Protein backbone atom coordinates (compact mmCIF):
# COMPACT_ATOMS: atom_id res chain seq x y z
CA MET A 1 -0.03 -0.04 0.08
CA ASN A 2 1.60 3.38 -1.01
CA LYS A 3 1.79 6.38 1.35
CA HIS A 4 -1.36 8.23 -0.04
CA LYS A 5 -3.69 5.22 0.49
CA ARG A 6 -2.39 4.67 3.87
CA LEU A 7 -2.83 8.47 4.70
CA LEU A 8 -6.40 8.37 3.25
CA LEU A 9 -7.24 5.16 5.24
CA THR A 10 -5.98 6.82 8.43
CA ILE A 11 -7.94 10.02 7.98
CA LEU A 12 -11.05 7.81 7.24
CA LEU A 13 -10.56 6.05 10.40
CA ILE A 14 -10.15 9.12 12.42
CA CYS A 15 -13.26 10.55 10.96
CA LEU A 16 -15.08 7.44 11.78
CA CYS A 17 -13.91 7.61 15.38
CA PHE A 18 -15.24 11.32 15.76
CA LEU A 19 -18.65 10.30 14.26
CA THR A 20 -19.10 7.55 16.73
CA ILE A 21 -17.55 9.41 19.64
CA ASP A 22 -21.10 9.95 21.39
CA GLN A 23 -21.77 6.19 21.30
CA VAL A 24 -18.39 5.33 22.83
CA PHE A 25 -18.86 7.77 25.64
CA ALA A 26 -22.46 6.93 26.33
CA ALA A 27 -21.36 3.40 27.27
CA ASN A 28 -21.64 2.09 30.98
CA CYS A 29 -19.80 -0.66 32.51
CA ASN A 30 -21.92 -3.31 31.08
CA GLY A 31 -21.02 -2.07 27.51
CA ILE A 32 -17.16 -2.00 28.34
CA LEU A 33 -16.74 -5.21 30.47
CA THR A 34 -18.73 -8.35 31.15
CA ARG A 35 -19.20 -9.39 34.78
CA GLY A 36 -16.73 -12.40 34.09
CA ALA A 37 -14.16 -10.06 32.45
CA ALA A 38 -14.37 -7.71 35.49
CA ASP A 39 -13.98 -10.37 38.01
CA LEU A 40 -11.04 -11.79 36.06
CA LEU A 41 -9.45 -8.35 35.96
CA LYS A 42 -9.99 -7.97 39.61
CA LYS A 43 -8.29 -11.33 40.31
CA ILE A 44 -5.43 -10.41 38.12
CA VAL A 45 -4.91 -6.90 39.81
CA GLY A 46 -5.10 -8.77 43.24
CA TRP A 47 -2.48 -11.36 42.37
CA ILE A 48 -0.25 -8.61 40.95
CA ARG A 49 -0.65 -6.65 44.15
CA ILE A 50 0.59 -9.62 46.21
CA LEU A 51 3.41 -10.78 43.75
CA VAL A 52 5.01 -7.31 43.46
CA PRO A 53 6.14 -6.92 46.97
CA ILE A 54 7.31 -10.51 47.22
CA LEU A 55 9.27 -10.14 44.00
CA LEU A 56 10.72 -6.72 45.30
CA ILE A 57 11.94 -8.40 48.57
CA ILE A 58 13.28 -11.49 46.85
CA LEU A 59 15.15 -9.55 44.32
CA GLY A 60 16.40 -6.81 46.68
CA VAL A 61 17.81 -9.79 48.88
CA VAL A 62 19.50 -11.51 45.97
CA ASP A 63 20.95 -8.17 44.78
CA PHE A 64 22.19 -6.96 48.16
CA GLY A 65 23.40 -10.54 49.16
CA SER A 66 25.62 -10.78 46.13
CA ALA A 67 26.88 -7.22 46.69
CA VAL A 68 27.73 -7.95 50.26
CA ILE A 69 29.38 -11.28 49.52
CA SER A 70 31.56 -9.59 46.66
CA GLU A 71 32.57 -6.93 49.25
CA ASP A 72 32.67 -4.37 46.48
CA LYS A 73 31.38 -0.95 47.18
CA ASP A 74 30.40 -0.46 43.51
CA ASN A 75 28.34 -3.37 43.54
CA LEU A 76 26.52 -2.14 46.60
CA LYS A 77 25.86 1.19 44.89
CA LYS A 78 24.53 -0.81 41.81
CA ALA A 79 22.18 -2.79 44.05
CA THR A 80 21.05 0.11 45.79
CA SER A 81 20.17 1.93 42.60
CA LYS A 82 18.37 -1.29 41.25
CA PHE A 83 16.31 -1.62 44.52
CA MET A 84 15.33 2.09 44.44
CA LYS A 85 14.25 1.89 40.77
CA ARG A 86 12.31 -1.45 41.61
CA CYS A 87 10.69 0.42 44.58
CA LEU A 88 9.54 3.08 42.30
CA ALA A 89 8.10 0.62 39.87
CA ALA A 90 6.35 -1.18 42.70
CA LEU A 91 4.79 2.17 43.81
CA ALA A 92 3.58 2.76 40.25
CA VAL A 93 1.77 -0.50 40.24
CA PHE A 94 -0.10 0.44 43.18
CA PHE A 95 -0.69 4.09 42.39
CA ILE A 96 -1.52 3.99 38.54
CA PRO A 97 -5.12 2.55 39.21
CA LEU A 98 -5.81 5.33 41.78
CA LEU A 99 -4.55 7.86 39.30
CA VAL A 100 -6.73 6.46 36.73
CA GLU A 101 -9.64 6.73 38.93
CA LEU A 102 -8.83 10.16 39.82
CA LEU A 103 -8.65 11.26 36.34
CA LEU A 104 -11.74 9.49 35.43
CA ASN A 105 -13.54 11.41 38.17
CA LEU A 106 -12.53 14.75 36.96
CA PRO A 107 -15.78 17.01 36.39
CA GLY A 108 -15.38 17.36 32.63
CA ILE A 109 -14.49 13.69 32.08
CA LYS A 110 -17.07 12.16 34.38
CA ASP A 111 -19.85 14.12 32.70
CA ASN A 112 -18.93 12.95 29.34
CA ILE A 113 -18.25 9.39 30.08
CA ASN A 114 -21.44 8.52 31.94
CA LEU A 115 -19.93 6.23 34.42
CA VAL A 116 -21.58 7.78 37.34
CA ASP A 117 -21.42 4.99 39.75
CA ASP A 118 -18.02 3.34 39.39
CA PRO A 119 -15.45 4.71 36.82
CA MET A 120 -13.35 1.68 37.16
CA CYS A 121 -16.20 -0.71 36.42
CA GLY A 122 -15.63 -2.83 39.52
CA VAL A 123 -12.09 -3.70 38.64
CA GLU A 124 -10.55 -1.78 41.41
CA GLU A 125 -11.76 -2.15 45.03
């Protein structure tokens, strides 16, 4: 497909998205997720929230243990740097759903999306 056809197809798809935008934003949770899909996502999020701290502790112990055994200050600094990055990633796992929920509850967005009862559709407790 040449560039002009691809550009025309892209413009057409964007126009279709804007024409159907009212239908997309008028959806409720039943139109987005089935009850089974919401339950599955809730279980996955729950398991992730359990596994992330466990992995953080295990990987931190391994990194710091190998740095202490090697008795190299440079390895200890690297292990500390890795651990801090992992801590930030673990915090992101816990706070990204909260951030999404806060953004979906903003007045301009909440009025347009029409998810008055639960913006996370039951996935987040």
